Amino acid sequence: MVPTLVALFCAALFEVGGIAAIRYGLVRPARGALLAGSLALVVYGFVVNTNRGAEFGRLMGVYIATFYLVSQVIGVVVFGDRPAAPVVLGGVLIVGGGLVIQLAAR
């Protein structure tokens, strides 16, 4: 379970980082950022699928919870975002759903 969570965390970093780089490249015309973001998204696709033994739907359910957490941290740290109450409440539901998916599989 721990190796899978580490892989999902790394995948989330690649996905959020790739999306952030593309956003940066679009706001400030920067081809390097667009290329780096695109490459990061391809790497994310491979990393998220390293555990091919897990059921795909369950893997993605847990990944979405991991993605939410990583994206919120990066939003706060990199972009200075402050999530509103509905975003936090929705996040509680997302993470709760991820926990249900992970724990129910045992």
PDB file of N, CA and C in Angstrom:
ATOM      1  N   MET A   1       0.818  -1.196   0.000  1.00  0.00           N
ATOM      2  CA  MET A   1       0.000   0.000   0.000  1.00  0.00           C
ATOM      3  C   MET A   1       0.860   1.257   0.000  1.00  0.00           C
ATOM      4  N   VAL A   2       1.927   1.305   0.811  1.00  0.00           N
ATOM      5  CA  VAL A   2       2.775   2.493   0.883  1.00  0.00           C
ATOM      6  C   VAL A   2       3.443   2.790  -0.462  1.00  0.00           C
ATOM      7  N   PRO A   3       4.002   1.777  -1.164  1.00  0.00           N
ATOM      8  CA  PRO A   3       4.579   2.092  -2.476  1.00  0.00           C
ATOM      9  C   PRO A   3       3.548   2.668  -3.455  1.00  0.00           C
ATOM     10  N   THR A   4       2.332   2.173  -3.398  1.00  0.00           N
ATOM     11  CA  THR A   4       1.285   2.697  -4.279  1.00  0.00           C
ATOM     12  C   THR A   4       0.979   4.148  -3.927  1.00  0.00           C
ATOM     13  N   LEU A   5       0.881   4.467  -2.644  1.00  0.00           N
ATOM     14  CA  LEU A   5       0.600   5.850  -2.238  1.00  0.00           C
ATOM     15  C   LEU A   5       1.739   6.782  -2.616  1.00  0.00           C
ATOM     16  N   VAL A   6       2.979   6.301  -2.523  1.00  0.00           N
ATOM     17  CA  VAL A   6       4.127   7.117  -2.933  1.00  0.00           C
ATOM     18  C   VAL A   6       4.060   7.383  -4.435  1.00  0.00           C
ATOM     19  N   ALA A   7       3.749   6.346  -5.214  1.00  0.00           N
ATOM     20  CA  ALA A   7       3.621   6.514  -6.666  1.00  0.00           C
ATOM     21  C   ALA A   7       2.496   7.490  -6.995  1.00  0.00           C
ATOM     22  N   LEU A   8       1.369   7.386  -6.291  1.00  0.00           N
ATOM     23  CA  LEU A   8       0.248   8.296  -6.544  1.00  0.00           C
ATOM     24  C   LEU A   8       0.612   9.733  -6.172  1.00  0.00           C
ATOM     25  N   PHE A   9       1.352   9.909  -5.094  1.00  0.00           N
ATOM     26  CA  PHE A   9       1.810  11.239  -4.686  1.00  0.00           C
ATOM     27  C   PHE A   9       2.731  11.825  -5.756  1.00  0.00           C
ATOM     28  N   CYS A  10       3.673  11.014  -6.257  1.00  0.00           N
ATOM     29  CA  CYS A  10       4.583  11.471  -7.316  1.00  0.00           C
ATOM     30  C   CYS A  10       3.805  11.801  -8.588  1.00  0.00           C
ATOM     31  N   ALA A  11       2.836  10.960  -8.926  1.00  0.00           N
ATOM     32  CA  ALA A  11       2.012  11.210 -10.109  1.00  0.00           C
ATOM     33  C   ALA A  11       1.271  12.533  -9.958  1.00  0.00           C
ATOM     34  N   ALA A  12       0.738  12.786  -8.774  1.00  0.00           N
ATOM     35  CA  ALA A  12       0.021  14.043  -8.538  1.00  0.00           C
ATOM     36  C   ALA A  12       0.959  15.235  -8.677  1.00  0.00           C
ATOM     37  N   LEU A  13       2.193  15.098  -8.193  1.00  0.00           N
ATOM     38  CA  LEU A  13       3.157  16.190  -8.359  1.00  0.00           C
ATOM     39  C   LEU A  13       3.434  16.456  -9.833  1.00  0.00           C
ATOM     40  N   PHE A  14       3.596  15.396 -10.620  1.00  0.00           N
ATOM     41  CA  PHE A  14       3.817  15.569 -12.058  1.00  0.00           C
ATOM     42  C   PHE A  14       2.596  16.195 -12.734  1.00  0.00           C
ATOM     43  N   GLU A  15       1.403  15.742 -12.371  1.00  0.00           N
ATOM     44  CA  GLU A  15       0.207  16.276 -13.016  1.00  0.00           C
ATOM     45  C   GLU A  15      -0.011  17.741 -12.645  1.00  0.00           C
ATOM     46  N   VAL A  16       0.020  18.041 -11.368  1.00  0.00           N
ATOM     47  CA  VAL A  16      -0.203  19.425 -10.935  1.00  0.00           C
ATOM     48  C   VAL A  16       0.922  20.320 -11.438  1.00  0.00           C
ATOM     49  N   GLY A  17       2.151  19.827 -11.373  1.00  0.00           N
ATOM     50  CA  GLY A  17       3.281  20.604 -11.888  1.00  0.00           C
ATOM     51  C   GLY A  17       3.158  20.850 -13.383  1.00  0.00           C
ATOM     52  N   GLY A  18       2.732  19.832 -14.119  1.00  0.00           N
ATOM     53  CA  GLY A  18       2.552  19.988 -15.559  1.00  0.00           C
ATOM     54  C   GLY A  18       1.468  20.994 -15.888  1.00  0.00           C
ATOM     55  N   ILE A  19       0.370  20.908 -15.171  1.00  0.00           N
ATOM     56  CA  ILE A  19      -0.728  21.855 -15.392  1.00  0.00           C
ATOM     57  C   ILE A  19      -0.285  23.275 -15.037  1.00  0.00           C
ATOM     58  N   ALA A  20       0.453  23.421 -13.928  1.00  0.00           N
ATOM     59  CA  ALA A  20       0.939  24.740 -13.521  1.00  0.00           C
ATOM     60  C   ALA A  20       1.920  25.302 -14.555  1.00  0.00           C
ATOM     61  N   ALA A  21       2.787  24.457 -15.097  1.00  0.00           N
ATOM     62  CA  ALA A  21       3.748  24.916 -16.107  1.00  0.00           C
ATOM     63  C   ALA A  21       3.026  25.356 -17.375  1.00  0.00           C
ATOM     64  N   ILE A  22       2.015  24.600 -17.784  1.00  0.00           N
ATOM     65  CA  ILE A  22       1.249  24.991 -18.971  1.00  0.00           C
ATOM     66  C   ILE A  22       0.515  26.301 -18.716  1.00  0.00           C
ATOM     67  N   ARG A  23      -0.052  26.442 -17.540  1.00  0.00           N
ATOM     68  CA  ARG A  23      -0.740  27.700 -17.195  1.00  0.00           C
ATOM     69  C   ARG A  23       0.237  28.871 -17.269  1.00  0.00           C
ATOM     70  N   TYR A  24       1.420  28.671 -16.706  1.00  0.00           N
ATOM     71  CA  TYR A  24       2.460  29.703 -16.747  1.00  0.00           C
ATOM     72  C   TYR A  24       2.825  30.027 -18.197  1.00  0.00           C
ATOM     73  N   GLY A  25       3.003  28.978 -19.006  1.00  0.00           N
ATOM     74  CA  GLY A  25       3.377  29.164 -20.405  1.00  0.00           C
ATOM     75  C   GLY A  25       2.317  29.866 -21.228  1.00  0.00           C
ATOM     76  N   LEU A  26       1.066  29.721 -20.852  1.00  0.00           N
ATOM     77  CA  LEU A  26      -0.011  30.400 -21.567  1.00  0.00           C
ATOM     78  C   LEU A  26      -0.165  31.854 -21.130  1.00  0.00           C
ATOM     79  N   VAL A  27       0.060  32.110 -19.842  1.00  0.00           N
ATOM     80  CA  VAL A  27      -0.065  33.477 -19.322  1.00  0.00           C
ATOM     81  C   VAL A  27       1.098  34.333 -19.812  1.00  0.00           C
ATOM     82  N   ARG A  28       2.288  33.792 -19.747  1.00  0.00           N
ATOM     83  CA  ARG A  28       3.484  34.472 -20.245  1.00  0.00           C
ATOM     84  C   ARG A  28       3.995  33.615 -21.391  1.00  0.00           C
ATOM     85  N   PRO A  29       3.784  34.016 -22.592  1.00  0.00           N
ATOM     86  CA  PRO A  29       4.174  33.142 -23.711  1.00  0.00           C
ATOM     87  C   PRO A  29       5.586  32.582 -23.516  1.00  0.00           C
ATOM     88  N   ALA A  30       5.639  31.353 -23.026  1.00  0.00           N
ATOM     89  CA  ALA A  30       6.913  30.706 -22.729  1.00  0.00           C
ATOM     90  C   ALA A  30       6.852  29.273 -23.243  1.00  0.00           C
ATOM     91  N   ARG A  31       7.457  29.049 -24.378  1.00  0.00           N
ATOM     92  CA  ARG A  31       7.410  27.722 -24.991  1.00  0.00           C
ATOM     93  C   ARG A  31       8.081  26.663 -24.133  1.00  0.00           C
ATOM     94  N   GLY A  32       9.119  27.042 -23.430  1.00  0.00           N
ATOM     95  CA  GLY A  32       9.812  26.082 -22.565  1.00  0.00           C
ATOM     96  C   GLY A  32       8.892  25.555 -21.476  1.00  0.00           C
ATOM     97  N   ALA A  33       8.100  26.444 -20.894  1.00  0.00           N
ATOM     98  CA  ALA A  33       7.164  26.033 -19.851  1.00  0.00           C
ATOM     99  C   ALA A  33       6.079  25.134 -20.428  1.00  0.00           C
ATOM    100  N   LEU A  34       5.614  25.452 -21.632  1.00  0.00           N
ATOM    101  CA  LEU A  34       4.604  24.609 -22.282  1.00  0.00           C
ATOM    102  C   LEU A  34       5.160  23.221 -22.570  1.00  0.00           C
ATOM    103  N   LEU A  35       6.387  23.157 -23.042  1.00  0.00           N
ATOM    104  CA  LEU A  35       7.022  21.871 -23.334  1.00  0.00           C
ATOM    105  C   LEU A  35       7.249  21.076 -22.052  1.00  0.00           C
ATOM    106  N   ALA A  36       7.767  21.742 -21.023  1.00  0.00           N
ATOM    107  CA  ALA A  36       8.006  21.067 -19.747  1.00  0.00           C
ATOM    108  C   ALA A  36       6.695  20.560 -19.149  1.00  0.00           C
ATOM    109  N   GLY A  37       5.654  21.367 -19.229  1.00  0.00           N
ATOM    110  CA  GLY A  37       4.350  20.955 -18.713  1.00  0.00           C
ATOM    111  C   GLY A  37       3.803  19.758 -19.461  1.00  0.00           C
ATOM    112  N   SER A  38       3.947  19.776 -20.762  1.00  0.00           N
ATOM    113  CA  SER A  38       3.474  18.649 -21.576  1.00  0.00           C
ATOM    114  C   SER A  38       4.229  17.369 -21.225  1.00  0.00           C
ATOM    115  N   LEU A  39       5.542  17.478 -21.080  1.00  0.00           N
ATOM    116  CA  LEU A  39       6.352  16.320 -20.714  1.00  0.00           C
ATOM    117  C   LEU A  39       5.966  15.794 -19.332  1.00  0.00           C
ATOM    118  N   ALA A  40       5.737  16.693 -18.382  1.00  0.00           N
ATOM    119  CA  ALA A  40       5.334  16.280 -17.035  1.00  0.00           C
ATOM    120  C   ALA A  40       4.012  15.528 -17.056  1.00  0.00           C
ATOM    121  N   LEU A  41       3.083  15.945 -17.914  1.00  0.00           N
ATOM    122  CA  LEU A  41       1.792  15.252 -17.996  1.00  0.00           C
ATOM    123  C   LEU A  41       1.941  13.855 -18.599  1.00  0.00           C
ATOM    124  N   VAL A  42       2.860  13.685 -19.528  1.00  0.00           N
ATOM    125  CA  VAL A  42       3.122  12.351 -20.069  1.00  0.00           C
ATOM    126  C   VAL A  42       3.731  11.466 -18.976  1.00  0.00           C
ATOM    127  N   VAL A  43       4.674  12.018 -18.228  1.00  0.00           N
ATOM    128  CA  VAL A  43       5.301  11.253 -17.138  1.00  0.00           C
ATOM    129  C   VAL A  43       4.246  10.870 -16.100  1.00  0.00           C
ATOM    130  N   TYR A  44       3.353  11.797 -15.774  1.00  0.00           N
ATOM    131  CA  TYR A  44       2.263  11.500 -14.837  1.00  0.00           C
ATOM    132  C   TYR A  44       1.478  10.278 -15.293  1.00  0.00           C
ATOM    133  N   GLY A  45       1.149  10.222 -16.575  1.00  0.00           N
ATOM    134  CA  GLY A  45       0.373   9.101 -17.104  1.00  0.00           C
ATOM    135  C   GLY A  45       1.053   7.770 -16.899  1.00  0.00           C
ATOM    136  N   PHE A  46       2.360   7.753 -17.017  1.00  0.00           N
ATOM    137  CA  PHE A  46       3.107   6.511 -16.786  1.00  0.00           C
ATOM    138  C   PHE A  46       3.200   6.193 -15.295  1.00  0.00           C
ATOM    139  N   VAL A  47       3.499   7.208 -14.484  1.00  0.00           N
ATOM    140  CA  VAL A  47       3.679   6.974 -13.045  1.00  0.00           C
ATOM    141  C   VAL A  47       2.382   6.513 -12.394  1.00  0.00           C
ATOM    142  N   VAL A  48       1.259   7.125 -12.744  1.00  0.00           N
ATOM    143  CA  VAL A  48      -0.009   6.759 -12.114  1.00  0.00           C
ATOM    144  C   VAL A  48      -0.386   5.310 -12.439  1.00  0.00           C
ATOM    145  N   ASN A  49       0.156   4.789 -13.515  1.00  0.00           N
ATOM    146  CA  ASN A  49      -0.165   3.422 -13.928  1.00  0.00           C
ATOM    147  C   ASN A  49       0.933   2.416 -13.595  1.00  0.00           C
ATOM    148  N   THR A  50       1.856   2.764 -12.715  1.00  0.00           N
ATOM    149  CA  THR A  50       2.923   1.821 -12.362  1.00  0.00           C
ATOM    150  C   THR A  50       2.378   0.596 -11.646  1.00  0.00           C
ATOM    151  N   ASN A  51       1.306   0.752 -10.904  1.00  0.00           N
ATOM    152  CA  ASN A  51       0.696  -0.381 -10.199  1.00  0.00           C
ATOM    153  C   ASN A  51      -0.431  -0.940 -11.068  1.00  0.00           C
ATOM    154  N   ARG A  52      -0.060  -1.749 -12.029  1.00  0.00           N
ATOM    155  CA  ARG A  52      -1.059  -2.309 -12.932  1.00  0.00           C
ATOM    156  C   ARG A  52      -1.817  -3.466 -12.308  1.00  0.00           C
ATOM    157  N   GLY A  53      -1.435  -3.888 -11.118  1.00  0.00           N
ATOM    158  CA  GLY A  53      -2.141  -4.970 -10.445  1.00  0.00           C
ATOM    159  C   GLY A  53      -3.403  -4.499  -9.733  1.00  0.00           C
ATOM    160  N   ALA A  54      -3.482  -3.205  -9.480  1.00  0.00           N
ATOM    161  CA  ALA A  54      -4.646  -2.669  -8.770  1.00  0.00           C
ATOM    162  C   ALA A  54      -5.791  -2.459  -9.752  1.00  0.00           C
ATOM    163  N   GLU A  55      -7.004  -2.620  -9.258  1.00  0.00           N
ATOM    164  CA  GLU A  55      -8.190  -2.343 -10.068  1.00  0.00           C
ATOM    165  C   GLU A  55      -8.169  -0.865 -10.468  1.00  0.00           C
ATOM    166  N   PHE A  56      -8.369  -0.589 -11.751  1.00  0.00           N
ATOM    167  CA  PHE A  56      -8.224   0.767 -12.282  1.00  0.00           C
ATOM    168  C   PHE A  56      -9.137   1.766 -11.581  1.00  0.00           C
ATOM    169  N   GLY A  57     -10.406   1.440 -11.403  1.00  0.00           N
ATOM    170  CA  GLY A  57     -11.350   2.355 -10.771  1.00  0.00           C
ATOM    171  C   GLY A  57     -10.958   2.687  -9.340  1.00  0.00           C
ATOM    172  N   ARG A  58     -10.506   1.685  -8.603  1.00  0.00           N
ATOM    173  CA  ARG A  58     -10.075   1.909  -7.219  1.00  0.00           C
ATOM    174  C   ARG A  58      -8.819   2.772  -7.191  1.00  0.00           C
ATOM    175  N   LEU A  59      -7.884   2.463  -8.086  1.00  0.00           N
ATOM    176  CA  LEU A  59      -6.644   3.232  -8.162  1.00  0.00           C
ATOM    177  C   LEU A  59      -6.934   4.697  -8.454  1.00  0.00           C
ATOM    178  N   MET A  60      -7.812   4.959  -9.418  1.00  0.00           N
ATOM    179  CA  MET A  60      -8.144   6.339  -9.778  1.00  0.00           C
ATOM    180  C   MET A  60      -8.907   7.045  -8.655  1.00  0.00           C
ATOM    181  N   GLY A  61      -9.756   6.310  -7.942  1.00  0.00           N
ATOM    182  CA  GLY A  61     -10.477   6.908  -6.823  1.00  0.00           C
ATOM    183  C   GLY A  61      -9.534   7.412  -5.746  1.00  0.00           C
ATOM    184  N   VAL A  62      -8.557   6.602  -5.412  1.00  0.00           N
ATOM    185  CA  VAL A  62      -7.569   7.004  -4.403  1.00  0.00           C
ATOM    186  C   VAL A  62      -6.677   8.106  -4.970  1.00  0.00           C
ATOM    187  N   TYR A  63      -6.357   8.002  -6.262  1.00  0.00           N
ATOM    188  CA  TYR A  63      -5.518   9.028  -6.890  1.00  0.00           C
ATOM    189  C   TYR A  63      -6.202  10.396  -6.856  1.00  0.00           C
ATOM    190  N   ILE A  64      -7.479  10.434  -7.106  1.00  0.00           N
ATOM    191  CA  ILE A  64      -8.189  11.717  -7.132  1.00  0.00           C
ATOM    192  C   ILE A  64      -8.104  12.406  -5.768  1.00  0.00           C
ATOM    193  N   ALA A  65      -8.205  11.636  -4.701  1.00  0.00           N
ATOM    194  CA  ALA A  65      -8.057  12.219  -3.365  1.00  0.00           C
ATOM    195  C   ALA A  65      -6.636  12.754  -3.171  1.00  0.00           C
ATOM    196  N   THR A  66      -5.644  11.987  -3.626  1.00  0.00           N
ATOM    197  CA  THR A  66      -4.247  12.424  -3.526  1.00  0.00           C
ATOM    198  C   THR A  66      -4.033  13.677  -4.371  1.00  0.00           C
ATOM    199  N   PHE A  67      -4.579  13.670  -5.579  1.00  0.00           N
ATOM    200  CA  PHE A  67      -4.460  14.822  -6.479  1.00  0.00           C
ATOM    201  C   PHE A  67      -5.060  16.075  -5.842  1.00  0.00           C
ATOM    202  N   TYR A  68      -6.224  15.933  -5.226  1.00  0.00           N
ATOM    203  CA  TYR A  68      -6.860  17.082  -4.587  1.00  0.00           C
ATOM    204  C   TYR A  68      -5.934  17.691  -3.529  1.00  0.00           C
ATOM    205  N   LEU A  69      -5.390  16.836  -2.669  1.00  0.00           N
ATOM    206  CA  LEU A  69      -4.533  17.334  -1.587  1.00  0.00           C
ATOM    207  C   LEU A  69      -3.294  18.034  -2.139  1.00  0.00           C
ATOM    208  N   VAL A  70      -2.622  17.405  -3.085  1.00  0.00           N
ATOM    209  CA  VAL A  70      -1.412  17.996  -3.660  1.00  0.00           C
ATOM    210  C   VAL A  70      -1.742  19.297  -4.386  1.00  0.00           C
ATOM    211  N   SER A  71      -2.834  19.331  -5.128  1.00  0.00           N
ATOM    212  CA  SER A  71      -3.175  20.547  -5.870  1.00  0.00           C
ATOM    213  C   SER A  71      -3.507  21.704  -4.931  1.00  0.00           C
ATOM    214  N   GLN A  72      -4.128  21.420  -3.811  1.00  0.00           N
ATOM    215  CA  GLN A  72      -4.441  22.490  -2.860  1.00  0.00           C
ATOM    216  C   GLN A  72      -3.166  23.051  -2.238  1.00  0.00           C
ATOM    217  N   VAL A  73      -2.246  22.170  -1.877  1.00  0.00           N
ATOM    218  CA  VAL A  73      -0.981  22.631  -1.288  1.00  0.00           C
ATOM    219  C   VAL A  73      -0.213  23.481  -2.303  1.00  0.00           C
ATOM    220  N   ILE A  74      -0.116  23.023  -3.540  1.00  0.00           N
ATOM    221  CA  ILE A  74       0.598  23.790  -4.563  1.00  0.00           C
ATOM    222  C   ILE A  74      -0.127  25.103  -4.851  1.00  0.00           C
ATOM    223  N   GLY A  75      -1.450  25.083  -4.860  1.00  0.00           N
ATOM    224  CA  GLY A  75      -2.204  26.317  -5.067  1.00  0.00           C
ATOM    225  C   GLY A  75      -1.893  27.361  -4.009  1.00  0.00           C
ATOM    226  N   VAL A  76      -1.787  26.925  -2.769  1.00  0.00           N
ATOM    227  CA  VAL A  76      -1.488  27.845  -1.669  1.00  0.00           C
ATOM    228  C   VAL A  76      -0.033  28.309  -1.740  1.00  0.00           C
ATOM    229  N   VAL A  77       0.893  27.363  -1.898  1.00  0.00           N
ATOM    230  CA  VAL A  77       2.321  27.686  -1.842  1.00  0.00           C
ATOM    231  C   VAL A  77       2.792  28.449  -3.084  1.00  0.00           C
ATOM    232  N   VAL A  78       2.400  27.997  -4.267  1.00  0.00           N
ATOM    233  CA  VAL A  78       2.923  28.581  -5.502  1.00  0.00           C
ATOM    234  C   VAL A  78       2.101  29.781  -5.972  1.00  0.00           C
ATOM    235  N   PHE A  79       0.778  29.647  -5.935  1.00  0.00           N
ATOM    236  CA  PHE A  79      -0.073  30.696  -6.492  1.00  0.00           C
ATOM    237  C   PHE A  79      -0.689  31.610  -5.443  1.00  0.00           C
ATOM    238  N   GLY A  80      -0.474  31.321  -4.152  1.00  0.00           N
ATOM    239  CA  GLY A  80      -1.026  32.163  -3.101  1.00  0.00           C
ATOM    240  C   GLY A  80      -2.528  32.059  -2.948  1.00  0.00           C
ATOM    241  N   ASP A  81      -3.114  30.973  -3.462  1.00  0.00           N
ATOM    242  CA  ASP A  81      -4.563  30.778  -3.349  1.00  0.00           C
ATOM    243  C   ASP A  81      -4.960  30.530  -1.899  1.00  0.00           C
ATOM    244  N   ARG A  82      -6.151  30.938  -1.581  1.00  0.00           N
ATOM    245  CA  ARG A  82      -6.753  30.628  -0.289  1.00  0.00           C
ATOM    246  C   ARG A  82      -8.086  29.961  -0.581  1.00  0.00           C
ATOM    247  N   PRO A  83      -8.170  28.640  -0.409  1.00  0.00           N
ATOM    248  CA  PRO A  83      -9.408  27.941  -0.772  1.00  0.00           C
ATOM    249  C   PRO A  83     -10.598  28.408   0.060  1.00  0.00           C
ATOM    250  N   ALA A  84     -11.698  28.645  -0.613  1.00  0.00           N
ATOM    251  CA  ALA A  84     -12.940  29.055   0.047  1.00  0.00           C
ATOM    252  C   ALA A  84     -13.560  27.852   0.755  1.00  0.00           C
ATOM    253  N   ALA A  85     -14.487  28.127   1.625  1.00  0.00           N
ATOM    254  CA  ALA A  85     -15.141  27.071   2.414  1.00  0.00           C
ATOM    255  C   ALA A  85     -15.747  25.966   1.535  1.00  0.00           C
ATOM    256  N   PRO A  86     -16.430  26.291   0.430  1.00  0.00           N
ATOM    257  CA  PRO A  86     -16.975  25.207  -0.400  1.00  0.00           C
ATOM    258  C   PRO A  86     -15.887  24.297  -0.986  1.00  0.00           C
ATOM    259  N   VAL A  87     -14.724  24.869  -1.298  1.00  0.00           N
ATOM    260  CA  VAL A  87     -13.619  24.061  -1.823  1.00  0.00           C
ATOM    261  C   VAL A  87     -13.100  23.125  -0.743  1.00  0.00           C
ATOM    262  N   VAL A  88     -12.983  23.629   0.466  1.00  0.00           N
ATOM    263  CA  VAL A  88     -12.520  22.798   1.581  1.00  0.00           C
ATOM    264  C   VAL A  88     -13.545  21.707   1.890  1.00  0.00           C
ATOM    265  N   LEU A  89     -14.806  22.067   1.932  1.00  0.00           N
ATOM    266  CA  LEU A  89     -15.859  21.082   2.206  1.00  0.00           C
ATOM    267  C   LEU A  89     -15.883  20.001   1.111  1.00  0.00           C
ATOM    268  N   GLY A  90     -15.821  20.430  -0.126  1.00  0.00           N
ATOM    269  CA  GLY A  90     -15.763  19.466  -1.222  1.00  0.00           C
ATOM    270  C   GLY A  90     -14.540  18.572  -1.107  1.00  0.00           C
ATOM    271  N   GLY A  91     -13.422  19.154  -0.707  1.00  0.00           N
ATOM    272  CA  GLY A  91     -12.199  18.377  -0.511  1.00  0.00           C
ATOM    273  C   GLY A  91     -12.327  17.343   0.584  1.00  0.00           C
ATOM    274  N   VAL A  92     -13.026  17.699   1.655  1.00  0.00           N
ATOM    275  CA  VAL A  92     -13.272  16.725   2.727  1.00  0.00           C
ATOM    276  C   VAL A  92     -14.051  15.533   2.173  1.00  0.00           C
ATOM    277  N   LEU A  93     -15.021  15.811   1.325  1.00  0.00           N
ATOM    278  CA  LEU A  93     -15.803  14.732   0.717  1.00  0.00           C
ATOM    279  C   LEU A  93     -14.942  13.892  -0.234  1.00  0.00           C
ATOM    280  N   ILE A  94     -14.089  14.551  -1.010  1.00  0.00           N
ATOM    281  CA  ILE A  94     -13.210  13.833  -1.936  1.00  0.00           C
ATOM    282  C   ILE A  94     -12.251  12.927  -1.167  1.00  0.00           C
ATOM    283  N   VAL A  95     -11.589  13.470  -0.166  1.00  0.00           N
ATOM    284  CA  VAL A  95     -10.628  12.683   0.614  1.00  0.00           C
ATOM    285  C   VAL A  95     -11.355  11.581   1.378  1.00  0.00           C
ATOM    286  N   GLY A  96     -12.525  11.891   1.919  1.00  0.00           N
ATOM    287  CA  GLY A  96     -13.321  10.859   2.586  1.00  0.00           C
ATOM    288  C   GLY A  96     -13.673   9.732   1.637  1.00  0.00           C
ATOM    289  N   GLY A  97     -14.041  10.073   0.419  1.00  0.00           N
ATOM    290  CA  GLY A  97     -14.340   9.055  -0.594  1.00  0.00           C
ATOM    291  C   GLY A  97     -13.125   8.208  -0.914  1.00  0.00           C
ATOM    292  N   GLY A  98     -11.958   8.843  -1.017  1.00  0.00           N
ATOM    293  CA  GLY A  98     -10.724   8.101  -1.259  1.00  0.00           C
ATOM    294  C   GLY A  98     -10.419   7.131  -0.131  1.00  0.00           C
ATOM    295  N   LEU A  99     -10.655   7.571   1.103  1.00  0.00           N
ATOM    296  CA  LEU A  99     -10.444   6.681   2.249  1.00  0.00           C
ATOM    297  C   LEU A  99     -11.420   5.510   2.231  1.00  0.00           C
ATOM    298  N   VAL A 100     -12.669   5.764   1.886  1.00  0.00           N
ATOM    299  CA  VAL A 100     -13.653   4.691   1.798  1.00  0.00           C
ATOM    300  C   VAL A 100     -13.217   3.674   0.747  1.00  0.00           C
ATOM    301  N   ILE A 101     -12.803   4.159  -0.411  1.00  0.00           N
ATOM    302  CA  ILE A 101     -12.359   3.273  -1.485  1.00  0.00           C
ATOM    303  C   ILE A 101     -11.161   2.436  -1.036  1.00  0.00           C
ATOM    304  N   GLN A 102     -10.187   3.090  -0.407  1.00  0.00           N
ATOM    305  CA  GLN A 102      -8.982   2.374   0.007  1.00  0.00           C
ATOM    306  C   GLN A 102      -9.263   1.376   1.134  1.00  0.00           C
ATOM    307  N   LEU A 103     -10.004   1.795   2.139  1.00  0.00           N
ATOM    308  CA  LEU A 103     -10.223   0.936   3.303  1.00  0.00           C
ATOM    309  C   LEU A 103     -11.235  -0.172   3.021  1.00  0.00           C
ATOM    310  N   ALA A 104     -12.197   0.081   2.141  1.00  0.00           N
ATOM    311  CA  ALA A 104     -13.195  -0.938   1.821  1.00  0.00           C
ATOM    312  C   ALA A 104     -12.600  -2.067   0.997  1.00  0.00           C
ATOM    313  N   ALA A 105     -11.485  -1.808   0.350  1.00  0.00           N
ATOM    314  CA  ALA A 105     -10.854  -2.830  -0.485  1.00  0.00           C
ATOM    315  C   ALA A 105     -10.125  -3.877   0.345  1.00  0.00           C
ATOM    316  N   ARG A 106      -9.987  -3.651   1.621  1.00  0.00           N
ATOM    317  CA  ARG A 106      -9.233  -4.590   2.479  1.00  0.00           C
ATOM    318  C   ARG A 106     -10.073  -5.733   2.913  1.00  0.00           C
TER     319      ARG A 106
END
